[in-house]
């Protein structure tokens, strides 16, 4: 499980949020074992986006935006196997998280 790995969302809200991306560094695999959670950000198929907060990704031909405001911790058991990676868009994701916390 690596930072920015992409997973299919198997939850009840998978129509609106078809994918989720892990957001923490790989080191949390070792130091966060007691919680059995991973911090993820869903990718959303509908709604309005704010450029700096919600970068847009093309995932398997579907345009989805990073729903940074919906960042959450979920049980590792809900992730399944990674179906891709967004590590090539690392800067966009980090910038969105920075904008969420610090603003302009």
C-alpha atoms as a PDB file:
ATOM      1  CA  UNK A   1       0.000   0.000   0.000  1.00  0.00           C
ATOM      2  CA  UNK A   2       1.777   3.087  -1.248  1.00  0.00           C
ATOM      3  CA  UNK A   3       1.017   6.774  -1.061  1.00  0.00           C
ATOM      4  CA  UNK A   4      -1.373   7.792  -3.848  1.00  0.00           C
ATOM      5  CA  UNK A   5      -2.452   4.241  -4.671  1.00  0.00           C
ATOM      6  CA  UNK A   6      -5.877   4.165  -6.304  1.00  0.00           C
ATOM      7  CA  UNK A   7      -8.647   1.803  -5.140  1.00  0.00           C
ATOM      8  CA  UNK A   8     -12.182   1.079  -6.281  1.00  0.00           C
ATOM      9  CA  UNK A   9     -14.697   2.232  -3.706  1.00  0.00           C
ATOM     10  CA  UNK A  10     -16.808  -0.738  -2.644  1.00  0.00           C
ATOM     11  CA  UNK A  11     -18.917   1.258  -0.186  1.00  0.00           C
ATOM     12  CA  UNK A  12     -22.526   2.384  -0.383  1.00  0.00           C
ATOM     13  CA  UNK A  13     -21.494   5.706  -1.939  1.00  0.00           C
ATOM     14  CA  UNK A  14     -19.506   4.174  -4.824  1.00  0.00           C
ATOM     15  CA  UNK A  15     -21.712   5.714  -7.520  1.00  0.00           C
ATOM     16  CA  UNK A  16     -20.811   9.239  -6.418  1.00  0.00           C
ATOM     17  CA  UNK A  17     -17.281   8.310  -5.300  1.00  0.00           C
ATOM     18  CA  UNK A  18     -16.154   5.458  -7.587  1.00  0.00           C
ATOM     19  CA  UNK A  19     -12.497   5.558  -6.490  1.00  0.00           C
ATOM     20  CA  UNK A  20     -10.444   6.535  -3.470  1.00  0.00           C
ATOM     21  CA  UNK A  21      -6.748   7.389  -3.202  1.00  0.00           C
ATOM     22  CA  UNK A  22      -4.477   6.821  -0.204  1.00  0.00           C
ATOM     23  CA  UNK A  23      -2.900  10.049   0.973  1.00  0.00           C
ATOM     24  CA  UNK A  24      -0.325   9.276   3.665  1.00  0.00           C
ATOM     25  CA  UNK A  25       3.317   8.348   3.274  1.00  0.00           C
ATOM     26  CA  UNK A  26       4.268   4.682   3.178  1.00  0.00           C
ATOM     27  CA  UNK A  27       5.917   5.034   6.603  1.00  0.00           C
ATOM     28  CA  UNK A  28       2.453   4.976   8.182  1.00  0.00           C
ATOM     29  CA  UNK A  29       2.236   1.293   7.240  1.00  0.00           C
ATOM     30  CA  UNK A  30       4.707   0.690  10.071  1.00  0.00           C
ATOM     31  CA  UNK A  31       3.864   3.362  12.639  1.00  0.00           C
ATOM     32  CA  UNK A  32       0.072   3.281  12.322  1.00  0.00           C
ATOM     33  CA  UNK A  33      -0.529  -0.460  12.658  1.00  0.00           C
ATOM     34  CA  UNK A  34      -2.461  -0.096  15.920  1.00  0.00           C
ATOM     35  CA  UNK A  35      -5.306   1.777  14.236  1.00  0.00           C
ATOM     36  CA  UNK A  36      -5.770  -0.409  11.138  1.00  0.00           C
ATOM     37  CA  UNK A  37      -6.945   2.728   9.300  1.00  0.00           C
ATOM     38  CA  UNK A  38      -5.744   4.521   6.198  1.00  0.00           C
ATOM     39  CA  UNK A  39      -6.396   8.147   5.347  1.00  0.00           C
ATOM     40  CA  UNK A  40      -8.011   8.367   1.917  1.00  0.00           C
ATOM     41  CA  UNK A  41      -9.490  10.989  -0.355  1.00  0.00           C
ATOM     42  CA  UNK A  42     -12.418  10.042  -2.588  1.00  0.00           C
ATOM     43  CA  UNK A  43     -12.626  10.880  -6.266  1.00  0.00           C
ATOM     44  CA  UNK A  44     -16.029  12.314  -7.121  1.00  0.00           C
ATOM     45  CA  UNK A  45     -18.045  11.932 -10.309  1.00  0.00           C
ATOM     46  CA  UNK A  46     -20.477  14.811  -9.768  1.00  0.00           C
ATOM     47  CA  UNK A  47     -20.610  18.339  -8.436  1.00  0.00           C
ATOM     48  CA  UNK A  48     -18.617  21.523  -8.604  1.00  0.00           C
ATOM     49  CA  UNK A  49     -14.891  21.729  -8.144  1.00  0.00           C
ATOM     50  CA  UNK A  50     -12.552  24.484  -7.002  1.00  0.00           C
ATOM     51  CA  UNK A  51      -9.373  24.421  -9.076  1.00  0.00           C
ATOM     52  CA  UNK A  52      -6.811  24.397  -6.239  1.00  0.00           C
ATOM     53  CA  UNK A  53      -8.868  22.206  -3.922  1.00  0.00           C
ATOM     54  CA  UNK A  54     -10.262  19.681  -6.397  1.00  0.00           C
ATOM     55  CA  UNK A  55      -7.853  18.722  -9.183  1.00  0.00           C
ATOM     56  CA  UNK A  56      -9.447  16.693 -11.972  1.00  0.00           C
ATOM     57  CA  UNK A  57      -8.191  13.242 -12.940  1.00  0.00           C
ATOM     58  CA  UNK A  58      -8.946  10.999 -15.899  1.00  0.00           C
ATOM     59  CA  UNK A  59      -9.516   7.545 -14.433  1.00  0.00           C
ATOM     60  CA  UNK A  60     -10.211   4.860 -17.027  1.00  0.00           C
ATOM     61  CA  UNK A  61     -11.832   7.421 -19.335  1.00  0.00           C
ATOM     62  CA  UNK A  62     -13.948   8.984 -16.582  1.00  0.00           C
ATOM     63  CA  UNK A  63     -13.288  12.578 -15.432  1.00  0.00           C
ATOM     64  CA  UNK A  64     -13.291  12.641 -11.634  1.00  0.00           C
ATOM     65  CA  UNK A  65     -12.276  15.337  -9.209  1.00  0.00           C
ATOM     66  CA  UNK A  66     -10.397  14.892  -5.958  1.00  0.00           C
ATOM     67  CA  UNK A  67     -12.937  15.555  -3.226  1.00  0.00           C
ATOM     68  CA  UNK A  68     -10.349  16.874  -0.783  1.00  0.00           C
ATOM     69  CA  UNK A  69     -12.960  18.128   1.703  1.00  0.00           C
ATOM     70  CA  UNK A  70     -14.124  14.521   2.148  1.00  0.00           C
ATOM     71  CA  UNK A  71     -10.765  13.206   3.381  1.00  0.00           C
ATOM     72  CA  UNK A  72     -11.348  10.409   5.898  1.00  0.00           C
ATOM     73  CA  UNK A  73      -9.863   7.459   7.693  1.00  0.00           C
ATOM     74  CA  UNK A  74     -11.222   4.061   6.673  1.00  0.00           C
ATOM     75  CA  UNK A  75     -10.379   0.510   7.754  1.00  0.00           C
ATOM     76  CA  UNK A  76      -7.594  -1.053   5.697  1.00  0.00           C
ATOM     77  CA  UNK A  77      -9.875  -4.059   5.163  1.00  0.00           C
ATOM     78  CA  UNK A  78     -12.153  -1.899   2.968  1.00  0.00           C
ATOM     79  CA  UNK A  79      -9.425  -1.114   0.431  1.00  0.00           C
ATOM     80  CA  UNK A  80      -8.927  -4.393  -1.405  1.00  0.00           C
ATOM     81  CA  UNK A  81      -6.255  -4.343  -4.110  1.00  0.00           C
ATOM     82  CA  UNK A  82      -4.881  -1.218  -5.739  1.00  0.00           C
ATOM     83  CA  UNK A  83      -6.135  -0.657  -9.299  1.00  0.00           C
ATOM     84  CA  UNK A  84      -3.678   2.097 -10.174  1.00  0.00           C
ATOM     85  CA  UNK A  85      -1.624   4.957  -8.856  1.00  0.00           C
ATOM     86  CA  UNK A  86      -1.814   8.734  -8.947  1.00  0.00           C
ATOM     87  CA  UNK A  87       1.807   9.240  -7.870  1.00  0.00           C
ATOM     88  CA  UNK A  88       2.509  11.052 -11.139  1.00  0.00           C
ATOM     89  CA  UNK A  89       0.012  13.697  -9.923  1.00  0.00           C
ATOM     90  CA  UNK A  90       1.618  13.952  -6.482  1.00  0.00           C
ATOM     91  CA  UNK A  91       2.101  17.722  -6.717  1.00  0.00           C
ATOM     92  CA  UNK A  92      -1.595  18.299  -7.518  1.00  0.00           C
ATOM     93  CA  UNK A  93      -2.710  16.173  -4.557  1.00  0.00           C
ATOM     94  CA  UNK A  94      -0.252  17.743  -2.102  1.00  0.00           C
ATOM     95  CA  UNK A  95      -1.233  21.223  -3.311  1.00  0.00           C
ATOM     96  CA  UNK A  96      -4.925  20.401  -2.738  1.00  0.00           C
ATOM     97  CA  UNK A  97      -4.218  19.177   0.787  1.00  0.00           C
ATOM     98  CA  UNK A  98      -2.129  22.257   1.487  1.00  0.00           C
ATOM     99  CA  UNK A  99      -4.923  24.493   0.182  1.00  0.00           C
ATOM    100  CA  UNK A 100      -7.431  22.665   2.419  1.00  0.00           C
ATOM    101  CA  UNK A 101      -5.341  23.276   5.517  1.00  0.00           C
ATOM    102  CA  UNK A 102      -3.733  26.648   4.784  1.00  0.00           C
ATOM    103  CA  UNK A 103      -5.802  28.348   2.101  1.00  0.00           C
ATOM    104  CA  UNK A 104      -4.022  30.701  -0.282  1.00  0.00           C
END
